C-alpha cells in the first residue's frame, strides 16, 4: 500500500494541532471547476438543442410545401385524365 506525504504526516500534524495538512481552498476550487465544466456542457447542449429545433422547424415547413405541391400535381393529373384528348375541341381526333 502506498502513502503520500500528507497521509504519512497527518497523525503527527494532528497531535501538534497543525492544520497545514488540510487541503483548504483546493476543494473549493475543484467544486468551482466542476460547476464551470457542467455549465459549459449545459450551454453546449442547449446550443445543440436550439439548432435541432430550428432544423426540425425548417424541415417541417419544407415537408408542408412538398405535400402542397404533390396535392396540386395530383389535381392537375386528375383534371387532365377527366378531360382526355377526345374532349378537347382544339385537338383534331384521328
N, C-alpha and C. Protein backbone atom coordinates (compact mmCIF):
# COMPACT_ATOMS: atom_id res chain seq x y z
N UNK A 1 0.84 -1.17 0.00
CA UNK A 1 0.00 0.00 0.00
C UNK A 1 0.90 1.24 0.00
N UNK A 2 0.58 2.19 -0.85
CA UNK A 2 1.38 3.41 -0.98
C UNK A 2 0.71 4.57 -0.23
N UNK A 3 1.53 5.38 0.40
CA UNK A 3 1.05 6.57 1.11
C UNK A 3 1.76 7.80 0.57
N UNK A 4 1.04 8.90 0.50
CA UNK A 4 1.71 10.14 0.11
C UNK A 4 2.20 10.87 1.36
N UNK A 5 2.90 11.97 1.16
CA UNK A 5 3.50 12.70 2.27
C UNK A 5 2.45 13.16 3.28
N UNK A 6 1.32 13.65 2.77
CA UNK A 6 0.27 14.15 3.67
C UNK A 6 -0.31 13.04 4.53
N UNK A 7 -0.51 11.86 3.95
CA UNK A 7 -1.07 10.76 4.72
C UNK A 7 -0.11 10.28 5.81
N UNK A 8 1.19 10.29 5.50
CA UNK A 8 2.16 9.85 6.50
C UNK A 8 2.32 10.86 7.63
N UNK A 9 2.22 12.12 7.34
CA UNK A 9 2.46 13.16 8.34
C UNK A 9 1.19 13.68 9.02
N UNK A 10 0.03 13.24 8.58
CA UNK A 10 -1.23 13.72 9.14
C UNK A 10 -1.36 13.43 10.64
N UNK A 11 -1.10 12.20 11.09
CA UNK A 11 -1.26 11.95 12.54
C UNK A 11 -0.36 12.85 13.39
N UNK A 12 0.86 13.06 12.95
CA UNK A 12 1.78 13.92 13.70
C UNK A 12 1.28 15.36 13.69
N UNK A 13 0.81 15.84 12.54
CA UNK A 13 0.31 17.21 12.44
C UNK A 13 -0.94 17.39 13.30
N UNK A 14 -1.76 16.35 13.40
CA UNK A 14 -2.97 16.46 14.22
C UNK A 14 -2.62 16.56 15.70
N UNK A 15 -1.64 15.81 16.13
CA UNK A 15 -1.26 15.88 17.54
C UNK A 15 -0.65 17.23 17.88
N UNK A 16 0.00 17.86 16.90
CA UNK A 16 0.60 19.18 17.11
C UNK A 16 -0.40 20.31 16.84
N UNK A 17 -1.62 19.93 16.48
CA UNK A 17 -2.67 20.89 16.12
C UNK A 17 -2.24 21.80 14.96
N UNK A 18 -1.50 21.21 14.04
CA UNK A 18 -1.04 21.91 12.84
C UNK A 18 -2.04 21.58 11.72
N UNK A 19 -2.73 22.58 11.22
CA UNK A 19 -3.76 22.34 10.21
C UNK A 19 -3.27 22.56 8.77
N UNK A 20 -1.98 22.67 8.59
CA UNK A 20 -1.46 22.89 7.24
C UNK A 20 -1.70 21.69 6.32
N UNK A 21 -1.88 20.53 6.87
CA UNK A 21 -2.10 19.34 6.05
C UNK A 21 -3.49 19.34 5.41
N UNK A 22 -4.42 20.11 5.99
CA UNK A 22 -5.80 20.12 5.48
C UNK A 22 -5.86 20.86 4.14
N UNK A 23 -6.48 20.27 3.14
CA UNK A 23 -6.49 20.87 1.79
C UNK A 23 -7.46 22.04 1.67
N UNK A 24 -7.15 23.14 2.35
CA UNK A 24 -8.02 24.31 2.29
C UNK A 24 -7.94 24.95 0.92
N UNK A 25 -9.07 25.49 0.45
CA UNK A 25 -9.21 26.21 -0.81
C UNK A 25 -9.05 25.30 -2.04
N UNK A 26 -8.41 24.19 -1.90
CA UNK A 26 -8.27 23.27 -3.04
C UNK A 26 -9.60 22.60 -3.35
N UNK A 27 -10.30 22.19 -2.31
CA UNK A 27 -11.59 21.54 -2.52
C UNK A 27 -12.60 22.51 -3.13
N UNK A 28 -12.56 23.75 -2.69
CA UNK A 28 -13.49 24.75 -3.22
C UNK A 28 -13.21 25.01 -4.69
N UNK A 29 -11.94 25.12 -5.04
CA UNK A 29 -11.62 25.38 -6.45
C UNK A 29 -11.99 24.18 -7.31
N UNK A 30 -11.88 22.98 -6.77
CA UNK A 30 -12.27 21.79 -7.52
C UNK A 30 -13.77 21.83 -7.80
N UNK A 31 -14.56 22.14 -6.78
CA UNK A 31 -16.01 22.24 -6.96
C UNK A 31 -16.34 23.33 -7.96
N UNK A 32 -15.66 24.45 -7.86
CA UNK A 32 -15.88 25.56 -8.79
C UNK A 32 -15.56 25.13 -10.21
N UNK A 33 -14.47 24.42 -10.36
CA UNK A 33 -14.05 23.95 -11.69
C UNK A 33 -15.08 22.97 -12.26
N UNK A 34 -15.58 22.08 -11.42
CA UNK A 34 -16.59 21.11 -11.88
C UNK A 34 -17.87 21.82 -12.28
N UNK A 35 -18.29 22.80 -11.48
CA UNK A 35 -19.51 23.54 -11.79
C UNK A 35 -19.36 24.30 -13.10
N UNK A 36 -18.18 24.86 -13.32
CA UNK A 36 -17.92 25.58 -14.57
C UNK A 36 -17.99 24.63 -15.76
N UNK A 37 -17.42 23.45 -15.58
CA UNK A 37 -17.46 22.44 -16.64
C UNK A 37 -18.89 22.02 -16.95
N UNK A 38 -19.69 21.85 -15.90
CA UNK A 38 -21.09 21.46 -16.09
C UNK A 38 -21.86 22.57 -16.80
N UNK A 39 -21.56 23.83 -16.45
CA UNK A 39 -22.23 24.95 -17.11
C UNK A 39 -21.87 24.99 -18.59
N UNK A 40 -20.60 24.77 -18.90
CA UNK A 40 -20.18 24.75 -20.30
C UNK A 40 -20.86 23.62 -21.06
N UNK A 41 -20.96 22.47 -20.41
CA UNK A 41 -21.63 21.32 -21.04
C UNK A 41 -23.11 21.62 -21.27
N UNK A 42 -23.76 22.23 -20.27
CA UNK A 42 -25.17 22.58 -20.40
C UNK A 42 -25.37 23.60 -21.51
N UNK A 43 -24.48 24.58 -21.59
CA UNK A 43 -24.56 25.61 -22.64
C UNK A 43 -24.41 24.96 -24.02
N UNK A 44 -23.46 24.04 -24.13
CA UNK A 44 -23.24 23.35 -25.40
C UNK A 44 -24.47 22.52 -25.78
N UNK A 45 -25.03 21.81 -24.81
CA UNK A 45 -26.23 21.01 -25.09
C UNK A 45 -27.41 21.89 -25.48
N UNK A 46 -27.54 23.05 -24.82
CA UNK A 46 -28.63 23.98 -25.15
C UNK A 46 -28.48 24.49 -26.58
N UNK A 47 -27.23 24.80 -26.98
CA UNK A 47 -26.99 25.27 -28.34
C UNK A 47 -27.35 24.19 -29.36
N UNK A 48 -26.98 22.95 -29.06
CA UNK A 48 -27.31 21.84 -29.96
C UNK A 48 -28.82 21.65 -30.04
N UNK A 49 -29.50 21.77 -28.90
CA UNK A 49 -30.95 21.63 -28.88
C UNK A 49 -31.61 22.73 -29.70
N UNK A 50 -31.15 23.97 -29.52
CA UNK A 50 -31.70 25.10 -30.28
C UNK A 50 -31.50 24.88 -31.78
N UNK A 51 -30.32 24.41 -32.15
CA UNK A 51 -30.02 24.15 -33.55
C UNK A 51 -30.94 23.05 -34.11
N UNK A 52 -31.15 22.01 -33.31
CA UNK A 52 -32.01 20.90 -33.74
C UNK A 52 -33.45 21.37 -33.89
N UNK A 53 -33.93 22.19 -32.97
CA UNK A 53 -35.30 22.71 -33.04
C UNK A 53 -35.47 23.55 -34.31
N UNK A 54 -34.48 24.38 -34.63
CA UNK A 54 -34.54 25.20 -35.84
C UNK A 54 -34.58 24.32 -37.08
N UNK A 55 -33.75 23.29 -37.09
CA UNK A 55 -33.70 22.39 -38.24
C UNK A 55 -35.02 21.64 -38.41
N UNK A 56 -35.60 21.17 -37.31
CA UNK A 56 -36.89 20.47 -37.38
C UNK A 56 -37.97 21.41 -37.91
N UNK A 57 -37.95 22.65 -37.47
CA UNK A 57 -38.92 23.63 -37.95
C UNK A 57 -38.77 23.85 -39.46
N UNK A 58 -37.54 24.02 -39.92
CA UNK A 58 -37.28 24.21 -41.34
C UNK A 58 -37.74 23.00 -42.15
N UNK A 59 -37.41 21.80 -41.67
CA UNK A 59 -37.81 20.58 -42.38
C UNK A 59 -39.33 20.42 -42.39
N UNK A 60 -39.99 20.80 -41.32
CA UNK A 60 -41.46 20.72 -41.27
C UNK A 60 -42.08 21.64 -42.31
N UNK A 61 -41.53 22.85 -42.44
CA UNK A 61 -42.02 23.80 -43.44
C UNK A 61 -41.82 23.24 -44.85
N UNK A 62 -40.63 22.69 -45.10
CA UNK A 62 -40.35 22.12 -46.42
C UNK A 62 -41.27 20.95 -46.73
N UNK A 63 -41.54 20.13 -45.73
CA UNK A 63 -42.43 18.98 -45.92
C UNK A 63 -43.85 19.45 -46.24
N UNK A 64 -44.32 20.47 -45.55
CA UNK A 64 -45.66 21.01 -45.83
C UNK A 64 -45.74 21.54 -47.26
N UNK A 65 -44.68 22.24 -47.70
CA UNK A 65 -44.65 22.76 -49.08
C UNK A 65 -44.66 21.61 -50.09
N UNK A 66 -43.90 20.57 -49.81
CA UNK A 66 -43.84 19.42 -50.71
C UNK A 66 -45.20 18.73 -50.79
N UNK A 67 -45.88 18.59 -49.66
CA UNK A 67 -47.22 17.99 -49.66
C UNK A 67 -48.18 18.82 -50.52
N UNK A 68 -48.07 20.13 -50.38
CA UNK A 68 -48.91 21.03 -51.16
C UNK A 68 -48.66 20.85 -52.66
N UNK A 69 -47.39 20.77 -53.04
CA UNK A 69 -47.03 20.58 -54.45
C UNK A 69 -47.56 19.25 -54.98
N UNK A 70 -47.42 18.20 -54.17
CA UNK A 70 -47.90 16.88 -54.58
C UNK A 70 -49.42 16.89 -54.76
N UNK A 71 -50.13 17.56 -53.87
CA UNK A 71 -51.59 17.66 -53.98
C UNK A 71 -51.97 18.39 -55.27
N UNK A 72 -51.27 19.49 -55.59
CA UNK A 72 -51.53 20.24 -56.83
C UNK A 72 -51.29 19.37 -58.05
N UNK A 73 -50.18 18.63 -58.04
CA UNK A 73 -49.86 17.76 -59.18
C UNK A 73 -50.94 16.69 -59.36
N UNK A 74 -51.40 16.12 -58.26
CA UNK A 74 -52.45 15.10 -58.33
C UNK A 74 -53.74 15.69 -58.93
N UNK A 75 -54.09 16.89 -58.48
CA UNK A 75 -55.29 17.55 -59.00
C UNK A 75 -55.15 17.80 -60.50
N UNK A 76 -53.98 18.29 -60.92
CA UNK A 76 -53.74 18.54 -62.35
C UNK A 76 -53.83 17.26 -63.17
N UNK A 77 -53.26 16.18 -62.66
CA UNK A 77 -53.31 14.90 -63.38
C UNK A 77 -54.75 14.40 -63.48
N UNK A 78 -55.51 14.56 -62.40
CA UNK A 78 -56.91 14.12 -62.43
C UNK A 78 -57.70 14.93 -63.43
N UNK A 79 -57.47 16.25 -63.46
CA UNK A 79 -58.16 17.11 -64.43
C UNK A 79 -57.84 16.69 -65.86
N UNK A 80 -56.57 16.45 -66.12
CA UNK A 80 -56.16 16.04 -67.47
C UNK A 80 -56.74 14.67 -67.81
N UNK A 81 -56.82 13.80 -66.84
CA UNK A 81 -57.38 12.47 -67.07
C UNK A 81 -58.87 12.53 -67.36
N UNK A 82 -59.60 13.39 -66.68
CA UNK A 82 -61.04 13.52 -66.91
C UNK A 82 -61.33 14.15 -68.26
N UNK A 83 -60.53 15.16 -68.65
CA UNK A 83 -60.76 15.83 -69.93
C UNK A 83 -60.41 14.91 -71.09
N UNK A 84 -59.25 14.31 -71.00
CA UNK A 84 -58.82 13.40 -72.06
C UNK A 84 -58.60 14.12 -73.38
N UNK A 85 -57.88 13.52 -74.32
CA UNK A 85 -57.61 14.16 -75.62
C UNK A 85 -58.88 14.28 -76.48
N UNK A 86 -59.89 13.41 -76.33
CA UNK A 86 -61.11 13.49 -77.15
C UNK A 86 -61.98 14.66 -76.74
N UNK A 87 -61.93 15.06 -75.51
CA UNK A 87 -62.80 16.13 -75.03
C UNK A 87 -62.32 17.50 -75.45
N UNK A 88 -61.08 17.63 -75.86
CA UNK A 88 -60.52 18.93 -76.20
C UNK A 88 -60.89 19.28 -77.64
N UNK A 89 -61.70 20.33 -77.89
CA UNK A 89 -62.15 20.65 -79.24
C UNK A 89 -61.05 21.22 -80.12
N UNK A 90 -59.97 21.68 -79.57
CA UNK A 90 -58.88 22.27 -80.36
C UNK A 90 -57.97 21.22 -80.98
N UNK A 91 -58.02 20.01 -80.45
CA UNK A 91 -57.16 18.95 -80.99
C UNK A 91 -58.03 18.06 -81.87
N UNK A 92 -57.68 17.95 -83.15
CA UNK A 92 -58.49 17.08 -84.04
C UNK A 92 -58.28 15.61 -83.70
N UNK A 93 -59.36 14.85 -83.73
CA UNK A 93 -59.24 13.42 -83.46
C UNK A 93 -59.01 12.67 -84.75
N UNK A 94 -58.31 11.56 -84.74
CA UNK A 94 -57.98 10.80 -85.95
C UNK A 94 -58.93 9.69 -86.16
